Amino acid sequence: MTDFAVYQTQFELIARDEGWSEQGKARRMYQNLIGSAATVLQQLSLTNTPATYANLAAALNKQFAVAETFEQREREFYDRKQAEN
């Protein structure tokens, strides 16, 4: 599970408890994006993709799932090299 997946689960629970609409969820998520996550919003804008909550969540999931997979493979490689020595 990616860090974003954990964040999204927490976000969804709060949104449900607070009764946020899809538009409200999108607005709140935009306001909280920082760093590389904020870049994803900019990429949506550049591709004229509607900045809905669903589109933003999908783009963030895609971005951070790829990053986590790379980091996981890098750790596995490092651990394997350490075991060989």
PDB file of N, CA and C in Angstrom:
ATOM      1  N   MET A   1       0.850  -1.177   0.000  1.00  0.00           N
ATOM      2  CA  MET A   1       0.000   0.000   0.000  1.00  0.00           C
ATOM      3  C   MET A   1       0.893   1.237   0.000  1.00  0.00           C
ATOM      4  N   THR A   2       0.618   2.155  -0.900  1.00  0.00           N
ATOM      5  CA  THR A   2       1.418   3.368  -0.993  1.00  0.00           C
ATOM      6  C   THR A   2       1.054   4.341   0.122  1.00  0.00           C
ATOM      7  N   ASP A   3       1.954   5.278   0.375  1.00  0.00           N
ATOM      8  CA  ASP A   3       1.644   6.330   1.343  1.00  0.00           C
ATOM      9  C   ASP A   3       0.402   7.092   0.911  1.00  0.00           C
ATOM     10  N   PHE A   4       0.248   7.305  -0.413  1.00  0.00           N
ATOM     11  CA  PHE A   4      -0.935   8.013  -0.878  1.00  0.00           C
ATOM     12  C   PHE A   4      -2.186   7.192  -0.620  1.00  0.00           C
ATOM     13  N   ALA A   5      -2.125   5.886  -0.771  1.00  0.00           N
ATOM     14  CA  ALA A   5      -3.298   5.050  -0.517  1.00  0.00           C
ATOM     15  C   ALA A   5      -3.735   5.170   0.940  1.00  0.00           C
ATOM     16  N   VAL A   6      -2.773   5.224   1.848  1.00  0.00           N
ATOM     17  CA  VAL A   6      -3.090   5.407   3.268  1.00  0.00           C
ATOM     18  C   VAL A   6      -3.722   6.777   3.474  1.00  0.00           C
ATOM     19  N   TYR A   7      -3.117   7.814   2.901  1.00  0.00           N
ATOM     20  CA  TYR A   7      -3.661   9.172   3.001  1.00  0.00           C
ATOM     21  C   TYR A   7      -5.072   9.219   2.429  1.00  0.00           C
ATOM     22  N   GLN A   8      -5.272   8.600   1.270  1.00  0.00           N
ATOM     23  CA  GLN A   8      -6.578   8.634   0.623  1.00  0.00           C
ATOM     24  C   GLN A   8      -7.631   7.935   1.470  1.00  0.00           C
ATOM     25  N   THR A   9      -7.279   6.844   2.099  1.00  0.00           N
ATOM     26  CA  THR A   9      -8.218   6.144   2.969  1.00  0.00           C
ATOM     27  C   THR A   9      -8.645   7.045   4.123  1.00  0.00           C
ATOM     28  N   GLN A  10      -7.675   7.690   4.744  1.00  0.00           N
ATOM     29  CA  GLN A  10      -7.998   8.622   5.833  1.00  0.00           C
ATOM     30  C   GLN A  10      -8.863   9.771   5.321  1.00  0.00           C
ATOM     31  N   PHE A  11      -8.492  10.314   4.177  1.00  0.00           N
ATOM     32  CA  PHE A  11      -9.221  11.417   3.574  1.00  0.00           C
ATOM     33  C   PHE A  11     -10.668  11.010   3.297  1.00  0.00           C
ATOM     34  N   GLU A  12     -10.858   9.830   2.725  1.00  0.00           N
ATOM     35  CA  GLU A  12     -12.206   9.341   2.402  1.00  0.00           C
ATOM     36  C   GLU A  12     -13.058   9.154   3.662  1.00  0.00           C
ATOM     37  N   LEU A  13     -12.454   8.648   4.727  1.00  0.00           N
ATOM     38  CA  LEU A  13     -13.190   8.473   5.980  1.00  0.00           C
ATOM     39  C   LEU A  13     -13.651   9.817   6.534  1.00  0.00           C
ATOM     40  N   ILE A  14     -12.767  10.794   6.509  1.00  0.00           N
ATOM     41  CA  ILE A  14     -13.132  12.135   6.987  1.00  0.00           C
ATOM     42  C   ILE A  14     -14.222  12.727   6.089  1.00  0.00           C
ATOM     43  N   ALA A  15     -14.051  12.587   4.778  1.00  0.00           N
ATOM     44  CA  ALA A  15     -15.031  13.133   3.834  1.00  0.00           C
ATOM     45  C   ALA A  15     -16.409  12.531   4.067  1.00  0.00           C
ATOM     46  N   ARG A  16     -16.448  11.243   4.293  1.00  0.00           N
ATOM     47  CA  ARG A  16     -17.734  10.580   4.546  1.00  0.00           C
ATOM     48  C   ARG A  16     -18.351  11.083   5.844  1.00  0.00           C
ATOM     49  N   ASP A  17     -17.541  11.145   6.887  1.00  0.00           N
ATOM     50  CA  ASP A  17     -18.039  11.606   8.188  1.00  0.00           C
ATOM     51  C   ASP A  17     -18.518  13.052   8.146  1.00  0.00           C
ATOM     52  N   GLU A  18     -17.845  13.870   7.336  1.00  0.00           N
ATOM     53  CA  GLU A  18     -18.192  15.293   7.235  1.00  0.00           C
ATOM     54  C   GLU A  18     -19.257  15.577   6.177  1.00  0.00           C
ATOM     55  N   GLY A  19     -19.575  14.559   5.365  1.00  0.00           N
ATOM     56  CA  GLY A  19     -20.597  14.724   4.341  1.00  0.00           C
ATOM     57  C   GLY A  19     -20.161  15.572   3.152  1.00  0.00           C
ATOM     58  N   TRP A  20     -18.861  15.520   2.814  1.00  0.00           N
ATOM     59  CA  TRP A  20     -18.357  16.308   1.702  1.00  0.00           C
ATOM     60  C   TRP A  20     -18.862  15.757   0.370  1.00  0.00           C
ATOM     61  N   SER A  21     -19.189  16.635  -0.548  1.00  0.00           N
ATOM     62  CA  SER A  21     -19.541  16.247  -1.913  1.00  0.00           C
ATOM     63  C   SER A  21     -18.256  15.927  -2.676  1.00  0.00           C
ATOM     64  N   GLU A  22     -18.408  15.427  -3.895  1.00  0.00           N
ATOM     65  CA  GLU A  22     -17.222  15.177  -4.732  1.00  0.00           C
ATOM     66  C   GLU A  22     -16.475  16.487  -4.989  1.00  0.00           C
ATOM     67  N   GLN A  23     -17.232  17.556  -5.226  1.00  0.00           N
ATOM     68  CA  GLN A  23     -16.605  18.864  -5.451  1.00  0.00           C
ATOM     69  C   GLN A  23     -15.891  19.341  -4.185  1.00  0.00           C
ATOM     70  N   GLY A  24     -16.497  19.118  -3.029  1.00  0.00           N
ATOM     71  CA  GLY A  24     -15.873  19.501  -1.761  1.00  0.00           C
ATOM     72  C   GLY A  24     -14.607  18.706  -1.501  1.00  0.00           C
ATOM     73  N   LYS A  25     -14.630  17.412  -1.828  1.00  0.00           N
ATOM     74  CA  LYS A  25     -13.422  16.597  -1.656  1.00  0.00           C
ATOM     75  C   LYS A  25     -12.306  17.090  -2.564  1.00  0.00           C
ATOM     76  N   ALA A  26     -12.652  17.405  -3.812  1.00  0.00           N
ATOM     77  CA  ALA A  26     -11.641  17.898  -4.749  1.00  0.00           C
ATOM     78  C   ALA A  26     -11.031  19.190  -4.222  1.00  0.00           C
ATOM     79  N   ARG A  27     -11.872  20.113  -3.795  1.00  0.00           N
ATOM     80  CA  ARG A  27     -11.379  21.407  -3.310  1.00  0.00           C
ATOM     81  C   ARG A  27     -10.467  21.228  -2.103  1.00  0.00           C
ATOM     82  N   ARG A  28     -10.850  20.391  -1.167  1.00  0.00           N
ATOM     83  CA  ARG A  28     -10.032  20.176   0.028  1.00  0.00           C
ATOM     84  C   ARG A  28      -8.716  19.487  -0.300  1.00  0.00           C
ATOM     85  N   MET A  29      -8.758  18.553  -1.267  1.00  0.00           N
ATOM     86  CA  MET A  29      -7.521  17.881  -1.630  1.00  0.00           C
ATOM     87  C   MET A  29      -6.575  18.859  -2.320  1.00  0.00           C
ATOM     88  N   TYR A  30      -7.099  19.688  -3.239  1.00  0.00           N
ATOM     89  CA  TYR A  30      -6.244  20.679  -3.910  1.00  0.00           C
ATOM     90  C   TYR A  30      -5.532  21.545  -2.893  1.00  0.00           C
ATOM     91  N   GLN A  31      -6.262  21.959  -1.885  1.00  0.00           N
ATOM     92  CA  GLN A  31      -5.712  22.868  -0.883  1.00  0.00           C
ATOM     93  C   GLN A  31      -4.590  22.240  -0.066  1.00  0.00           C
ATOM     94  N   ASN A  32      -4.562  20.926   0.007  1.00  0.00           N
ATOM     95  CA  ASN A  32      -3.585  20.236   0.850  1.00  0.00           C
ATOM     96  C   ASN A  32      -2.409  19.632   0.105  1.00  0.00           C
ATOM     97  N   LEU A  33      -2.399  19.747  -1.221  1.00  0.00           N
ATOM     98  CA  LEU A  33      -1.306  19.155  -1.983  1.00  0.00           C
ATOM     99  C   LEU A  33      -0.046  20.000  -1.869  1.00  0.00           C
ATOM    100  N   ILE A  34       1.071  19.320  -1.630  1.00  0.00           N
ATOM    101  CA  ILE A  34       2.369  19.989  -1.578  1.00  0.00           C
ATOM    102  C   ILE A  34       3.380  19.146  -2.349  1.00  0.00           C
ATOM    103  N   GLY A  35       4.482  19.759  -2.704  1.00  0.00           N
ATOM    104  CA  GLY A  35       5.584  19.040  -3.345  1.00  0.00           C
ATOM    105  C   GLY A  35       5.190  18.338  -4.617  1.00  0.00           C
ATOM    106  N   SER A  36       5.647  17.099  -4.756  1.00  0.00           N
ATOM    107  CA  SER A  36       5.399  16.353  -5.989  1.00  0.00           C
ATOM    108  C   SER A  36       3.917  16.043  -6.189  1.00  0.00           C
ATOM    109  N   ALA A  37       3.149  16.009  -5.113  1.00  0.00           N
ATOM    110  CA  ALA A  37       1.707  15.793  -5.253  1.00  0.00           C
ATOM    111  C   ALA A  37       1.052  17.000  -5.924  1.00  0.00           C
ATOM    112  N   ALA A  38       1.508  18.196  -5.592  1.00  0.00           N
ATOM    113  CA  ALA A  38       0.966  19.402  -6.224  1.00  0.00           C
ATOM    114  C   ALA A  38       1.296  19.425  -7.710  1.00  0.00           C
ATOM    115  N   THR A  39       2.407  18.850  -8.083  1.00  0.00           N
ATOM    116  CA  THR A  39       2.798  18.783  -9.492  1.00  0.00           C
ATOM    117  C   THR A  39       1.788  17.975 -10.295  1.00  0.00           C
ATOM    118  N   VAL A  40       1.206  16.972  -9.675  1.00  0.00           N
ATOM    119  CA  VAL A  40       0.199  16.151 -10.357  1.00  0.00           C
ATOM    120  C   VAL A  40      -0.997  17.015 -10.753  1.00  0.00           C
ATOM    121  N   LEU A  41      -1.412  17.905  -9.886  1.00  0.00           N
ATOM    122  CA  LEU A  41      -2.510  18.815 -10.205  1.00  0.00           C
ATOM    123  C   LEU A  41      -2.148  19.698 -11.389  1.00  0.00           C
ATOM    124  N   GLN A  42      -0.925  20.177 -11.410  1.00  0.00           N
ATOM    125  CA  GLN A  42      -0.465  21.011 -12.525  1.00  0.00           C
ATOM    126  C   GLN A  42      -0.484  20.212 -13.828  1.00  0.00           C
ATOM    127  N   GLN A  43      -0.082  18.953 -13.771  1.00  0.00           N
ATOM    128  CA  GLN A  43      -0.082  18.114 -14.975  1.00  0.00           C
ATOM    129  C   GLN A  43      -1.503  17.915 -15.498  1.00  0.00           C
ATOM    130  N   LEU A  44      -2.466  17.750 -14.591  1.00  0.00           N
ATOM    131  CA  LEU A  44      -3.863  17.625 -15.025  1.00  0.00           C
ATOM    132  C   LEU A  44      -4.292  18.890 -15.764  1.00  0.00           C
ATOM    133  N   SER A  45      -3.916  20.024 -15.219  1.00  0.00           N
ATOM    134  CA  SER A  45      -4.268  21.301 -15.833  1.00  0.00           C
ATOM    135  C   SER A  45      -3.659  21.436 -17.223  1.00  0.00           C
ATOM    136  N   LEU A  46      -2.410  21.045 -17.360  1.00  0.00           N
ATOM    137  CA  LEU A  46      -1.719  21.168 -18.646  1.00  0.00           C
ATOM    138  C   LEU A  46      -2.313  20.263 -19.724  1.00  0.00           C
ATOM    139  N   THR A  47      -2.915  19.158 -19.314  1.00  0.00           N
ATOM    140  CA  THR A  47      -3.505  18.227 -20.276  1.00  0.00           C
ATOM    141  C   THR A  47      -4.997  18.460 -20.459  1.00  0.00           C
ATOM    142  N   ASN A  48      -5.494  19.559 -19.878  1.00  0.00           N
ATOM    143  CA  ASN A  48      -6.924  19.899 -19.962  1.00  0.00           C
ATOM    144  C   ASN A  48      -7.835  18.805 -19.423  1.00  0.00           C
ATOM    145  N   THR A  49      -7.324  18.032 -18.476  1.00  0.00           N
ATOM    146  CA  THR A  49      -8.122  17.010 -17.806  1.00  0.00           C
ATOM    147  C   THR A  49      -8.942  17.702 -16.723  1.00  0.00           C
ATOM    148  N   PRO A  50     -10.247  17.465 -16.680  1.00  0.00           N
ATOM    149  CA  PRO A  50     -11.051  18.092 -15.633  1.00  0.00           C
ATOM    150  C   PRO A  50     -10.499  17.742 -14.248  1.00  0.00           C
ATOM    151  N   ALA A  51     -10.378  18.739 -13.410  1.00  0.00           N
ATOM    152  CA  ALA A  51      -9.779  18.549 -12.082  1.00  0.00           C
ATOM    153  C   ALA A  51     -10.822  18.085 -11.079  1.00  0.00           C
ATOM    154  N   THR A  52     -11.447  16.955 -11.400  1.00  0.00           N
ATOM    155  CA  THR A  52     -12.421  16.370 -10.480  1.00  0.00           C
ATOM    156  C   THR A  52     -11.675  15.572  -9.410  1.00  0.00           C
ATOM    157  N   TYR A  53     -12.374  15.243  -8.350  1.00  0.00           N
ATOM    158  CA  TYR A  53     -11.751  14.431  -7.306  1.00  0.00           C
ATOM    159  C   TYR A  53     -11.320  13.084  -7.875  1.00  0.00           C
ATOM    160  N   ALA A  54     -12.159  12.468  -8.673  1.00  0.00           N
ATOM    161  CA  ALA A  54     -11.837  11.142  -9.231  1.00  0.00           C
ATOM    162  C   ALA A  54     -10.584  11.203 -10.101  1.00  0.00           C
ATOM    163  N   ASN A  55     -10.486  12.225 -10.960  1.00  0.00           N
ATOM    164  CA  ASN A  55      -9.305  12.352 -11.827  1.00  0.00           C
ATOM    165  C   ASN A  55      -8.047  12.624 -11.016  1.00  0.00           C
ATOM    166  N   LEU A  56      -8.170  13.489 -10.023  1.00  0.00           N
ATOM    167  CA  LEU A  56      -7.019  13.813  -9.192  1.00  0.00           C
ATOM    168  C   LEU A  56      -6.550  12.591  -8.401  1.00  0.00           C
ATOM    169  N   ALA A  57      -7.483  11.874  -7.787  1.00  0.00           N
ATOM    170  CA  ALA A  57      -7.126  10.680  -7.012  1.00  0.00           C
ATOM    171  C   ALA A  57      -6.484   9.624  -7.909  1.00  0.00           C
ATOM    172  N   ALA A  58      -7.025   9.432  -9.104  1.00  0.00           N
ATOM    173  CA  ALA A  58      -6.452   8.446 -10.032  1.00  0.00           C
ATOM    174  C   ALA A  58      -5.029   8.837 -10.437  1.00  0.00           C
ATOM    175  N   ALA A  59      -4.829  10.124 -10.734  1.00  0.00           N
ATOM    176  CA  ALA A  59      -3.491  10.584 -11.131  1.00  0.00           C
ATOM    177  C   ALA A  59      -2.498  10.447  -9.978  1.00  0.00           C
ATOM    178  N   LEU A  60      -2.924  10.759  -8.772  1.00  0.00           N
ATOM    179  CA  LEU A  60      -2.038  10.631  -7.611  1.00  0.00           C
ATOM    180  C   LEU A  60      -1.712   9.167  -7.336  1.00  0.00           C
ATOM    181  N   ASN A  61      -2.715   8.311  -7.435  1.00  0.00           N
ATOM    182  CA  ASN A  61      -2.470   6.871  -7.250  1.00  0.00           C
ATOM    183  C   ASN A  61      -1.458   6.369  -8.264  1.00  0.00           C
ATOM    184  N   LYS A  62      -1.627   6.770  -9.513  1.00  0.00           N
ATOM    185  CA  LYS A  62      -0.707   6.325 -10.562  1.00  0.00           C
ATOM    186  C   LYS A  62       0.707   6.839 -10.293  1.00  0.00           C
ATOM    187  N   GLN A  63       0.829   8.109  -9.972  1.00  0.00           N
ATOM    188  CA  GLN A  63       2.136   8.720  -9.723  1.00  0.00           C
ATOM    189  C   GLN A  63       2.865   8.040  -8.571  1.00  0.00           C
ATOM    190  N   PHE A  64       2.179   7.845  -7.464  1.00  0.00           N
ATOM    191  CA  PHE A  64       2.862   7.342  -6.280  1.00  0.00           C
ATOM    192  C   PHE A  64       2.966   5.831  -6.240  1.00  0.00           C
ATOM    193  N   ALA A  65       2.139   5.121  -6.972  1.00  0.00           N
ATOM    194  CA  ALA A  65       2.299   3.670  -7.068  1.00  0.00           C
ATOM    195  C   ALA A  65       3.573   3.353  -7.836  1.00  0.00           C
ATOM    196  N   VAL A  66       3.840   4.117  -8.905  1.00  0.00           N
ATOM    197  CA  VAL A  66       5.063   3.922  -9.686  1.00  0.00           C
ATOM    198  C   VAL A  66       6.282   4.245  -8.836  1.00  0.00           C
ATOM    199  N   ALA A  67       6.246   5.342  -8.113  1.00  0.00           N
ATOM    200  CA  ALA A  67       7.381   5.737  -7.275  1.00  0.00           C
ATOM    201  C   ALA A  67       7.655   4.701  -6.202  1.00  0.00           C
ATOM    202  N   GLU A  68       6.602   4.190  -5.583  1.00  0.00           N
ATOM    203  CA  GLU A  68       6.805   3.208  -4.530  1.00  0.00           C
ATOM    204  C   GLU A  68       7.356   1.910  -5.088  1.00  0.00           C
ATOM    205  N   THR A  69       6.881   1.501  -6.248  1.00  0.00           N
ATOM    206  CA  THR A  69       7.383   0.280  -6.867  1.00  0.00           C
ATOM    207  C   THR A  69       8.875   0.397  -7.133  1.00  0.00           C
ATOM    208  N   PHE A  70       9.325   1.533  -7.664  1.00  0.00           N
ATOM    209  CA  PHE A  70      10.743   1.745  -7.923  1.00  0.00           C
ATOM    210  C   PHE A  70      11.540   1.669  -6.620  1.00  0.00           C
ATOM    211  N   GLU A  71      11.062   2.365  -5.584  1.00  0.00           N
ATOM    212  CA  GLU A  71      11.767   2.362  -4.303  1.00  0.00           C
ATOM    213  C   GLU A  71      11.811   0.963  -3.697  1.00  0.00           C
ATOM    214  N   GLN A  72      10.734   0.225  -3.829  1.00  0.00           N
ATOM    215  CA  GLN A  72      10.693  -1.135  -3.304  1.00  0.00           C
ATOM    216  C   GLN A  72      11.711  -2.017  -4.033  1.00  0.00           C
ATOM    217  N   ARG A  73      11.755  -1.909  -5.356  1.00  0.00           N
ATOM    218  CA  ARG A  73      12.723  -2.706  -6.140  1.00  0.00           C
ATOM    219  C   ARG A  73      14.154  -2.321  -5.787  1.00  0.00           C
ATOM    220  N   GLU A  74      14.385  -1.030  -5.573  1.00  0.00           N
ATOM    221  CA  GLU A  74      15.718  -0.570  -5.199  1.00  0.00           C
ATOM    222  C   GLU A  74      16.121  -1.150  -3.842  1.00  0.00           C
ATOM    223  N   ARG A  75      15.214  -1.169  -2.877  1.00  0.00           N
ATOM    224  CA  ARG A  75      15.498  -1.764  -1.561  1.00  0.00           C
ATOM    225  C   ARG A  75      15.774  -3.258  -1.676  1.00  0.00           C
ATOM    226  N   GLU A  76      14.973  -3.947  -2.489  1.00  0.00           N
ATOM    227  CA  GLU A  76      15.171  -5.387  -2.677  1.00  0.00           C
ATOM    228  C   GLU A  76      16.542  -5.660  -3.285  1.00  0.00           C
ATOM    229  N   PHE A  77      16.931  -4.852  -4.268  1.00  0.00           N
ATOM    230  CA  PHE A  77      18.244  -5.002  -4.889  1.00  0.00           C
ATOM    231  C   PHE A  77      19.346  -4.790  -3.857  1.00  0.00           C
ATOM    232  N   TYR A  78      19.230  -3.730  -3.077  1.00  0.00           N
ATOM    233  CA  TYR A  78      20.228  -3.431  -2.048  1.00  0.00           C
ATOM    234  C   TYR A  78      20.314  -4.562  -1.027  1.00  0.00           C
ATOM    235  N   ASP A  79      19.171  -5.066  -0.569  1.00  0.00           N
ATOM    236  CA  ASP A  79      19.149  -6.155   0.401  1.00  0.00           C
ATOM    237  C   ASP A  79      19.779  -7.412  -0.179  1.00  0.00           C
ATOM    238  N   ARG A  80      19.537  -7.684  -1.449  1.00  0.00           N
ATOM    239  CA  ARG A  80      20.113  -8.857  -2.092  1.00  0.00           C
ATOM    240  C   ARG A  80      21.623  -8.732  -2.186  1.00  0.00           C
ATOM    241  N   LYS A  81      22.106  -7.532  -2.541  1.00  0.00           N
ATOM    242  CA  LYS A  81      23.546  -7.294  -2.616  1.00  0.00           C
ATOM    243  C   LYS A  81      24.205  -7.450  -1.246  1.00  0.00           C
ATOM    244  N   GLN A  82      23.530  -6.974  -0.210  1.00  0.00           N
ATOM    245  CA  GLN A  82      24.075  -7.103   1.150  1.00  0.00           C
ATOM    246  C   GLN A  82      24.124  -8.561   1.562  1.00  0.00           C
ATOM    247  N   ALA A  83      23.138  -9.335   1.187  1.00  0.00           N
ATOM    248  CA  ALA A  83      23.103 -10.752   1.539  1.00  0.00           C
ATOM    249  C   ALA A  83      24.216 -11.525   0.826  1.00  0.00           C
ATOM    250  N   GLU A  84      24.548 -11.090  -0.382  1.00  0.00           N
ATOM    251  CA  GLU A  84      25.595 -11.768  -1.144  1.00  0.00           C
ATOM    252  C   GLU A  84      26.987 -11.520  -0.548  1.00  0.00           C
ATOM    253  N   ASN A  85      27.159 -10.414   0.120  1.00  0.00           N
ATOM    254  CA  ASN A  85      28.477 -10.070   0.672  1.00  0.00           C
ATOM    255  C   ASN A  85      28.693 -10.698   1.981  1.00  0.00           C
TER     256      ASN A  85
END
